Amino acid sequence: MKAFFEGIAYLFEEILFAPMDWMREMELTNWWTANTINWIFIIICCAANWYWIKQLKLFKDKGEDEQDTTAHSFLK
């Protein structure tokens, strides 16, 4: 049973986290390249936020936006 858990530890520490170790070492030479994954996530979040706000505006312009405070029975 001990070998099973050591195998899981080896999988995560030596194989799956190898790119993270590589980026950690790269940070000392080039910060921008080391944080590429962070920049990609920031761009994805900004695009999702922009799309969400656009959809909210479309619903509001069509009048389909429900802003009545009594929309839920527990608010009455």
N, C-alpha and C. Protein backbone atom coordinates (compact mmCIF):
# COMPACT_ATOMS: atom_id res chain seq x y z
N MET A 1 0.82 -1.19 0.00
CA MET A 1 0.00 0.00 0.00
C MET A 1 0.87 1.25 0.00
N LYS A 2 2.02 1.16 0.68
CA LYS A 2 2.92 2.30 0.74
C LYS A 2 3.45 2.62 -0.67
N ALA A 3 3.73 1.60 -1.46
CA ALA A 3 4.24 1.81 -2.81
C ALA A 3 3.20 2.51 -3.68
N PHE A 4 1.93 2.24 -3.45
CA PHE A 4 0.85 2.89 -4.22
C PHE A 4 0.88 4.40 -3.99
N PHE A 5 0.97 4.81 -2.73
CA PHE A 5 0.98 6.24 -2.42
C PHE A 5 2.29 6.89 -2.86
N GLU A 6 3.38 6.17 -2.79
CA GLU A 6 4.64 6.70 -3.30
C GLU A 6 4.57 6.87 -4.82
N GLY A 7 3.88 5.97 -5.49
CA GLY A 7 3.69 6.10 -6.93
C GLY A 7 2.86 7.33 -7.29
N ILE A 8 1.83 7.61 -6.50
CA ILE A 8 1.03 8.81 -6.72
C ILE A 8 1.87 10.05 -6.48
N ALA A 9 2.67 10.03 -5.42
CA ALA A 9 3.54 11.17 -5.12
C ALA A 9 4.54 11.40 -6.26
N TYR A 10 5.11 10.32 -6.76
CA TYR A 10 6.06 10.44 -7.88
C TYR A 10 5.37 11.02 -9.12
N LEU A 11 4.18 10.55 -9.40
CA LEU A 11 3.44 11.05 -10.57
C LEU A 11 3.26 12.56 -10.50
N PHE A 12 2.81 13.04 -9.35
CA PHE A 12 2.55 14.47 -9.24
C PHE A 12 3.82 15.29 -9.13
N GLU A 13 4.77 14.85 -8.31
CA GLU A 13 5.96 15.66 -8.07
C GLU A 13 6.93 15.65 -9.25
N GLU A 14 7.11 14.54 -9.90
CA GLU A 14 8.14 14.43 -10.93
C GLU A 14 7.61 14.58 -12.35
N ILE A 15 6.35 14.27 -12.58
CA ILE A 15 5.83 14.29 -13.95
C ILE A 15 4.87 15.46 -14.18
N LEU A 16 3.79 15.52 -13.39
CA LEU A 16 2.76 16.53 -13.65
C LEU A 16 3.18 17.94 -13.26
N PHE A 17 4.04 18.08 -12.25
CA PHE A 17 4.49 19.41 -11.84
C PHE A 17 5.81 19.81 -12.48
N ALA A 18 6.33 19.01 -13.40
CA ALA A 18 7.60 19.35 -14.07
C ALA A 18 7.51 20.68 -14.82
N PRO A 19 6.44 20.98 -15.54
CA PRO A 19 6.37 22.30 -16.20
C PRO A 19 6.38 23.46 -15.19
N MET A 20 5.76 23.25 -14.04
CA MET A 20 5.77 24.32 -13.04
C MET A 20 7.17 24.54 -12.47
N ASP A 21 7.92 23.47 -12.28
CA ASP A 21 9.31 23.61 -11.83
C ASP A 21 10.14 24.34 -12.88
N TRP A 22 9.90 24.02 -14.15
CA TRP A 22 10.62 24.68 -15.23
C TRP A 22 10.31 26.18 -15.25
N MET A 23 9.04 26.54 -15.06
CA MET A 23 8.68 27.96 -15.04
C MET A 23 9.23 28.67 -13.81
N ARG A 24 9.29 27.96 -12.69
CA ARG A 24 9.85 28.56 -11.47
C ARG A 24 11.32 28.88 -11.67
N GLU A 25 12.06 28.00 -12.32
CA GLU A 25 13.46 28.26 -12.60
C GLU A 25 13.64 29.36 -13.64
N MET A 26 12.73 29.45 -14.59
CA MET A 26 12.81 30.46 -15.64
C MET A 26 12.52 31.86 -15.09
N GLU A 27 11.79 31.96 -14.01
CA GLU A 27 11.40 33.25 -13.48
C GLU A 27 12.62 34.10 -13.14
N LEU A 28 13.71 33.48 -12.78
CA LEU A 28 14.91 34.24 -12.43
C LEU A 28 15.53 34.91 -13.65
N THR A 29 15.28 34.38 -14.84
CA THR A 29 15.86 34.97 -16.04
C THR A 29 14.86 35.84 -16.80
N ASN A 30 13.60 35.43 -16.91
CA ASN A 30 12.62 36.20 -17.67
C ASN A 30 11.26 36.07 -17.00
N TRP A 31 10.85 37.11 -16.31
CA TRP A 31 9.61 37.10 -15.56
C TRP A 31 8.39 36.98 -16.49
N TRP A 32 8.41 37.67 -17.62
CA TRP A 32 7.26 37.69 -18.53
C TRP A 32 6.97 36.31 -19.10
N THR A 33 8.01 35.60 -19.49
CA THR A 33 7.81 34.27 -20.05
C THR A 33 7.34 33.29 -18.98
N ALA A 34 7.86 33.44 -17.78
CA ALA A 34 7.48 32.53 -16.70
C ALA A 34 6.02 32.69 -16.31
N ASN A 35 5.46 33.86 -16.54
CA ASN A 35 4.07 34.12 -16.16
C ASN A 35 3.12 34.07 -17.35
N THR A 36 3.49 33.37 -18.39
CA THR A 36 2.65 33.25 -19.58
C THR A 36 1.29 32.64 -19.26
N ILE A 37 1.27 31.61 -18.43
CA ILE A 37 0.00 30.97 -18.06
C ILE A 37 -0.91 31.96 -17.34
N ASN A 38 -0.34 32.77 -16.47
CA ASN A 38 -1.15 33.78 -15.78
C ASN A 38 -1.75 34.78 -16.76
N TRP A 39 -0.95 35.21 -17.74
CA TRP A 39 -1.46 36.16 -18.74
C TRP A 39 -2.57 35.54 -19.57
N ILE A 40 -2.44 34.27 -19.90
CA ILE A 40 -3.49 33.59 -20.67
C ILE A 40 -4.78 33.54 -19.86
N PHE A 41 -4.70 33.21 -18.57
CA PHE A 41 -5.90 33.18 -17.73
C PHE A 41 -6.51 34.57 -17.58
N ILE A 42 -5.69 35.59 -17.47
CA ILE A 42 -6.21 36.96 -17.37
C ILE A 42 -6.96 37.34 -18.64
N ILE A 43 -6.42 36.99 -19.80
CA ILE A 43 -7.09 37.29 -21.07
C ILE A 43 -8.41 36.54 -21.17
N ILE A 44 -8.43 35.28 -20.77
CA ILE A 44 -9.67 34.49 -20.81
C ILE A 44 -10.72 35.10 -19.88
N CYS A 45 -10.32 35.49 -18.68
CA CYS A 45 -11.27 36.09 -17.73
C CYS A 45 -11.79 37.43 -18.24
N CYS A 46 -10.93 38.24 -18.85
CA CYS A 46 -11.39 39.51 -19.40
C CYS A 46 -12.38 39.29 -20.54
N ALA A 47 -12.12 38.32 -21.40
CA ALA A 47 -13.05 38.03 -22.49
C ALA A 47 -14.38 37.52 -21.96
N ALA A 48 -14.35 36.66 -20.95
CA ALA A 48 -15.59 36.15 -20.37
C ALA A 48 -16.38 37.27 -19.70
N ASN A 49 -15.69 38.15 -19.01
CA ASN A 49 -16.34 39.28 -18.35
C ASN A 49 -16.97 40.21 -19.39
N TRP A 50 -16.24 40.49 -20.47
CA TRP A 50 -16.78 41.33 -21.53
C TRP A 50 -18.04 40.70 -22.15
N TYR A 51 -18.02 39.40 -22.42
CA TYR A 51 -19.17 38.71 -23.01
C TYR A 51 -20.37 38.74 -22.06
N TRP A 52 -20.11 38.54 -20.77
CA TRP A 52 -21.19 38.53 -19.78
C TRP A 52 -21.85 39.91 -19.71
N ILE A 53 -21.05 40.97 -19.66
CA ILE A 53 -21.60 42.32 -19.60
C ILE A 53 -22.37 42.64 -20.88
N LYS A 54 -21.86 42.18 -22.03
CA LYS A 54 -22.57 42.39 -23.30
C LYS A 54 -23.93 41.71 -23.27
N GLN A 55 -23.99 40.48 -22.76
CA GLN A 55 -25.26 39.77 -22.67
C GLN A 55 -26.22 40.46 -21.70
N LEU A 56 -25.72 40.96 -20.59
CA LEU A 56 -26.57 41.69 -19.65
C LEU A 56 -27.17 42.93 -20.32
N LYS A 57 -26.36 43.64 -21.11
CA LYS A 57 -26.87 44.83 -21.80
C LYS A 57 -27.93 44.44 -22.83
N LEU A 58 -27.72 43.34 -23.57
CA LEU A 58 -28.72 42.90 -24.54
C LEU A 58 -30.05 42.58 -23.88
N PHE A 59 -30.02 41.87 -22.75
CA PHE A 59 -31.26 41.55 -22.04
C PHE A 59 -31.93 42.81 -21.51
N LYS A 60 -31.13 43.75 -21.02
CA LYS A 60 -31.71 44.99 -20.50
C LYS A 60 -32.34 45.81 -21.62
N ASP A 61 -31.68 45.88 -22.78
CA ASP A 61 -32.24 46.63 -23.91
C ASP A 61 -33.53 46.01 -24.44
N LYS A 62 -33.66 44.69 -24.39
CA LYS A 62 -34.87 44.01 -24.84
C LYS A 62 -35.99 44.07 -23.80
N GLY A 63 -35.68 44.48 -22.60
CA GLY A 63 -36.68 44.54 -21.54
C GLY A 63 -36.93 43.20 -20.88
N GLU A 64 -36.07 42.23 -21.10
CA GLU A 64 -36.23 40.90 -20.52
C GLU A 64 -35.55 40.77 -19.16
N ASP A 65 -34.94 41.84 -18.71
CA ASP A 65 -34.23 41.82 -17.44
C ASP A 65 -35.22 41.97 -16.29
N GLU A 66 -35.30 40.99 -15.43
CA GLU A 66 -36.23 41.00 -14.29
C GLU A 66 -35.56 41.66 -13.10
N GLN A 67 -35.97 42.89 -12.78
CA GLN A 67 -35.37 43.60 -11.66
C GLN A 67 -36.38 43.88 -10.55
N ASP A 68 -37.49 43.18 -10.56
CA ASP A 68 -38.51 43.33 -9.53
C ASP A 68 -38.02 42.67 -8.25
N THR A 69 -38.09 43.39 -7.14
CA THR A 69 -37.60 42.82 -5.89
C THR A 69 -38.50 41.72 -5.36
N THR A 70 -39.70 41.59 -5.91
CA THR A 70 -40.59 40.50 -5.47
C THR A 70 -40.55 39.32 -6.43
N ALA A 71 -39.45 39.21 -7.18
CA ALA A 71 -39.33 38.10 -8.12
C ALA A 71 -39.24 36.75 -7.42
N HIS A 72 -38.81 36.76 -6.17
CA HIS A 72 -38.73 35.53 -5.40
C HIS A 72 -39.71 35.61 -4.23
N SER A 73 -40.29 34.50 -3.92
CA SER A 73 -41.32 34.49 -2.88
C SER A 73 -40.76 34.85 -1.51
N PHE A 74 -39.48 34.58 -1.27
CA PHE A 74 -38.93 34.87 0.05
C PHE A 74 -38.63 36.35 0.24
N LEU A 75 -38.74 37.16 -0.82
CA LEU A 75 -38.51 38.61 -0.70
C LEU A 75 -39.78 39.38 -0.45
N LYS A 76 -40.94 38.73 -0.44
CA LYS A 76 -42.21 39.41 -0.24
C LYS A 76 -42.44 39.73 1.20
